Amino acid sequence: MRNVQGNGGEECGYRLIVAPQQPDIALGIRPDNPRLGQGDAVAITVSAVRKDEFDGDIRLAVEGEPQDGAAARSIEFRPDDNEAAPRIE
């Protein structure tokens, strides 16, 4: 067995971890710190990286509605989706 640099042998130690799958997701947002003033809108990109064969729907919602009663926005990823571009107002 050798590593990606071609090194190997008895003096090299390797660790193999065997564990059950733990389906999960990692979410990202760009820009990472969107700023809005009153009456502003911004387009963001939300990405979902599926881990260990997670194949379910992903639903996200904005919590804490503004006091003016504006509706909360939601985003839904189907199993084949990995990116969405909602507009936040």
C-alpha atoms as a PDB file:
ATOM      1  CA  MET A   1       0.000   0.000   0.000  1.00  0.00           C
ATOM      2  CA  ARG A   2       1.264   3.465  -0.902  1.00  0.00           C
ATOM      3  CA  ASN A   3      -0.025   6.996  -0.344  1.00  0.00           C
ATOM      4  CA  VAL A   4      -0.600   9.588  -3.079  1.00  0.00           C
ATOM      5  CA  GLN A   5       3.060  10.661  -2.940  1.00  0.00           C
ATOM      6  CA  GLY A   6       4.185   7.085  -3.640  1.00  0.00           C
ATOM      7  CA  ASN A   7       5.493   6.514  -0.110  1.00  0.00           C
ATOM      8  CA  GLY A   8       4.776   3.295   1.705  1.00  0.00           C
ATOM      9  CA  GLY A   9       6.271   0.354   3.513  1.00  0.00           C
ATOM     10  CA  GLU A  10       6.470  -1.077   6.989  1.00  0.00           C
ATOM     11  CA  GLU A  11       7.530   2.255   8.495  1.00  0.00           C
ATOM     12  CA  CYS A  12       4.276   3.930   7.379  1.00  0.00           C
ATOM     13  CA  GLY A  13       1.141   3.537   9.457  1.00  0.00           C
ATOM     14  CA  TYR A  14      -2.352   3.509   8.017  1.00  0.00           C
ATOM     15  CA  ARG A  15      -5.711   3.611   9.734  1.00  0.00           C
ATOM     16  CA  LEU A  16      -8.905   2.147   8.299  1.00  0.00           C
ATOM     17  CA  ILE A  17     -12.162   3.248   9.886  1.00  0.00           C
ATOM     18  CA  VAL A  18     -15.237   1.097   9.276  1.00  0.00           C
ATOM     19  CA  ALA A  19     -18.533   2.553  10.481  1.00  0.00           C
ATOM     20  CA  PRO A  20     -22.196   2.416   9.528  1.00  0.00           C
ATOM     21  CA  GLN A  21     -23.390   5.032   7.082  1.00  0.00           C
ATOM     22  CA  GLN A  22     -24.815   8.185   8.598  1.00  0.00           C
ATOM     23  CA  PRO A  23     -26.795   9.971   5.880  1.00  0.00           C
ATOM     24  CA  ASP A  24     -26.423  13.698   6.332  1.00  0.00           C
ATOM     25  CA  ILE A  25     -26.219  17.012   4.493  1.00  0.00           C
ATOM     26  CA  ALA A  26     -23.937  20.031   4.559  1.00  0.00           C
ATOM     27  CA  LEU A  27     -25.447  23.387   3.596  1.00  0.00           C
ATOM     28  CA  GLY A  28     -23.694  26.442   2.217  1.00  0.00           C
ATOM     29  CA  ILE A  29     -24.825  29.957   1.303  1.00  0.00           C
ATOM     30  CA  ARG A  30     -23.294  32.561  -1.036  1.00  0.00           C
ATOM     31  CA  PRO A  31     -22.753  35.332  -0.253  1.00  0.00           C
ATOM     32  CA  ASP A  32     -21.998  34.078   3.238  1.00  0.00           C
ATOM     33  CA  ASN A  33     -23.284  37.220   4.968  1.00  0.00           C
ATOM     34  CA  PRO A  34     -26.065  38.843   2.910  1.00  0.00           C
ATOM     35  CA  ARG A  35     -27.111  42.229   4.270  1.00  0.00           C
ATOM     36  CA  LEU A  36     -30.482  43.813   3.665  1.00  0.00           C
ATOM     37  CA  GLY A  37     -31.886  47.187   4.503  1.00  0.00           C
ATOM     38  CA  GLN A  38     -35.587  47.847   4.821  1.00  0.00           C
ATOM     39  CA  GLY A  39     -37.234  47.342   1.421  1.00  0.00           C
ATOM     40  CA  ASP A  40     -34.093  45.745  -0.097  1.00  0.00           C
ATOM     41  CA  ALA A  41     -33.865  42.381  -1.852  1.00  0.00           C
ATOM     42  CA  VAL A  42     -30.885  40.120  -2.512  1.00  0.00           C
ATOM     43  CA  ALA A  43     -30.343  36.944  -4.521  1.00  0.00           C
ATOM     44  CA  ILE A  44     -28.479  34.208  -2.673  1.00  0.00           C
ATOM     45  CA  THR A  45     -27.352  30.730  -3.641  1.00  0.00           C
ATOM     46  CA  VAL A  46     -27.965  27.853  -1.243  1.00  0.00           C
ATOM     47  CA  SER A  47     -26.083  24.618  -1.902  1.00  0.00           C
ATOM     48  CA  ALA A  48     -26.629  21.190  -0.393  1.00  0.00           C
ATOM     49  CA  VAL A  49     -23.954  18.489  -0.331  1.00  0.00           C
ATOM     50  CA  ARG A  50     -25.461  15.068   0.342  1.00  0.00           C
ATOM     51  CA  LYS A  51     -23.347  12.652   2.390  1.00  0.00           C
ATOM     52  CA  ASP A  52     -23.486   8.866   2.741  1.00  0.00           C
ATOM     53  CA  GLU A  53     -26.187   8.422   0.107  1.00  0.00           C
ATOM     54  CA  PHE A  54     -28.719  10.818   1.678  1.00  0.00           C
ATOM     55  CA  ASP A  55     -31.455  10.904  -0.964  1.00  0.00           C
ATOM     56  CA  GLY A  56     -34.425  12.531   0.770  1.00  0.00           C
ATOM     57  CA  ASP A  57     -36.054  15.900   0.223  1.00  0.00           C
ATOM     58  CA  ILE A  58     -34.538  18.878   2.039  1.00  0.00           C
ATOM     59  CA  ARG A  59     -36.839  21.695   3.172  1.00  0.00           C
ATOM     60  CA  LEU A  60     -35.522  24.978   4.565  1.00  0.00           C
ATOM     61  CA  ALA A  61     -37.550  27.888   5.899  1.00  0.00           C
ATOM     62  CA  VAL A  62     -36.705  31.343   7.160  1.00  0.00           C
ATOM     63  CA  GLU A  63     -37.811  31.729  10.761  1.00  0.00           C
ATOM     64  CA  GLY A  64     -38.733  34.902  12.585  1.00  0.00           C
ATOM     65  CA  GLU A  65     -40.964  36.759  10.175  1.00  0.00           C
ATOM     66  CA  PRO A  66     -40.588  40.521   9.994  1.00  0.00           C
ATOM     67  CA  GLN A  67     -43.060  42.539  12.042  1.00  0.00           C
ATOM     68  CA  ASP A  68     -44.739  43.886   8.886  1.00  0.00           C
ATOM     69  CA  GLY A  69     -46.281  40.445   8.272  1.00  0.00           C
ATOM     70  CA  ALA A  70     -44.286  39.560   5.141  1.00  0.00           C
ATOM     71  CA  ALA A  71     -44.485  35.848   4.358  1.00  0.00           C
ATOM     72  CA  ALA A  72     -41.514  33.659   5.264  1.00  0.00           C
ATOM     73  CA  ARG A  73     -39.596  32.194   2.342  1.00  0.00           C
ATOM     74  CA  SER A  74     -38.914  28.483   1.977  1.00  0.00           C
ATOM     75  CA  ILE A  75     -36.569  26.427  -0.177  1.00  0.00           C
ATOM     76  CA  GLU A  76     -37.022  22.806  -1.171  1.00  0.00           C
ATOM     77  CA  PHE A  77     -34.419  20.477  -2.646  1.00  0.00           C
ATOM     78  CA  ARG A  78     -35.615  17.316  -4.369  1.00  0.00           C
ATOM     79  CA  PRO A  79     -33.290  14.270  -4.336  1.00  0.00           C
ATOM     80  CA  ASP A  80     -31.632  15.336  -7.626  1.00  0.00           C
ATOM     81  CA  ASP A  81     -31.205  19.018  -6.648  1.00  0.00           C
ATOM     82  CA  ASN A  82     -28.057  20.399  -5.071  1.00  0.00           C
ATOM     83  CA  GLU A  83     -28.483  24.169  -5.505  1.00  0.00           C
ATOM     84  CA  ALA A  84     -31.227  26.794  -5.274  1.00  0.00           C
ATOM     85  CA  ALA A  85     -31.177  30.551  -5.855  1.00  0.00           C
ATOM     86  CA  PRO A  86     -33.987  32.192  -3.868  1.00  0.00           C
ATOM     87  CA  ARG A  87     -34.497  35.934  -3.677  1.00  0.00           C
ATOM     88  CA  ILE A  88     -34.723  37.270  -0.122  1.00  0.00           C
ATOM     89  CA  GLU A  89     -36.780  40.430   0.417  1.00  0.00           C
END
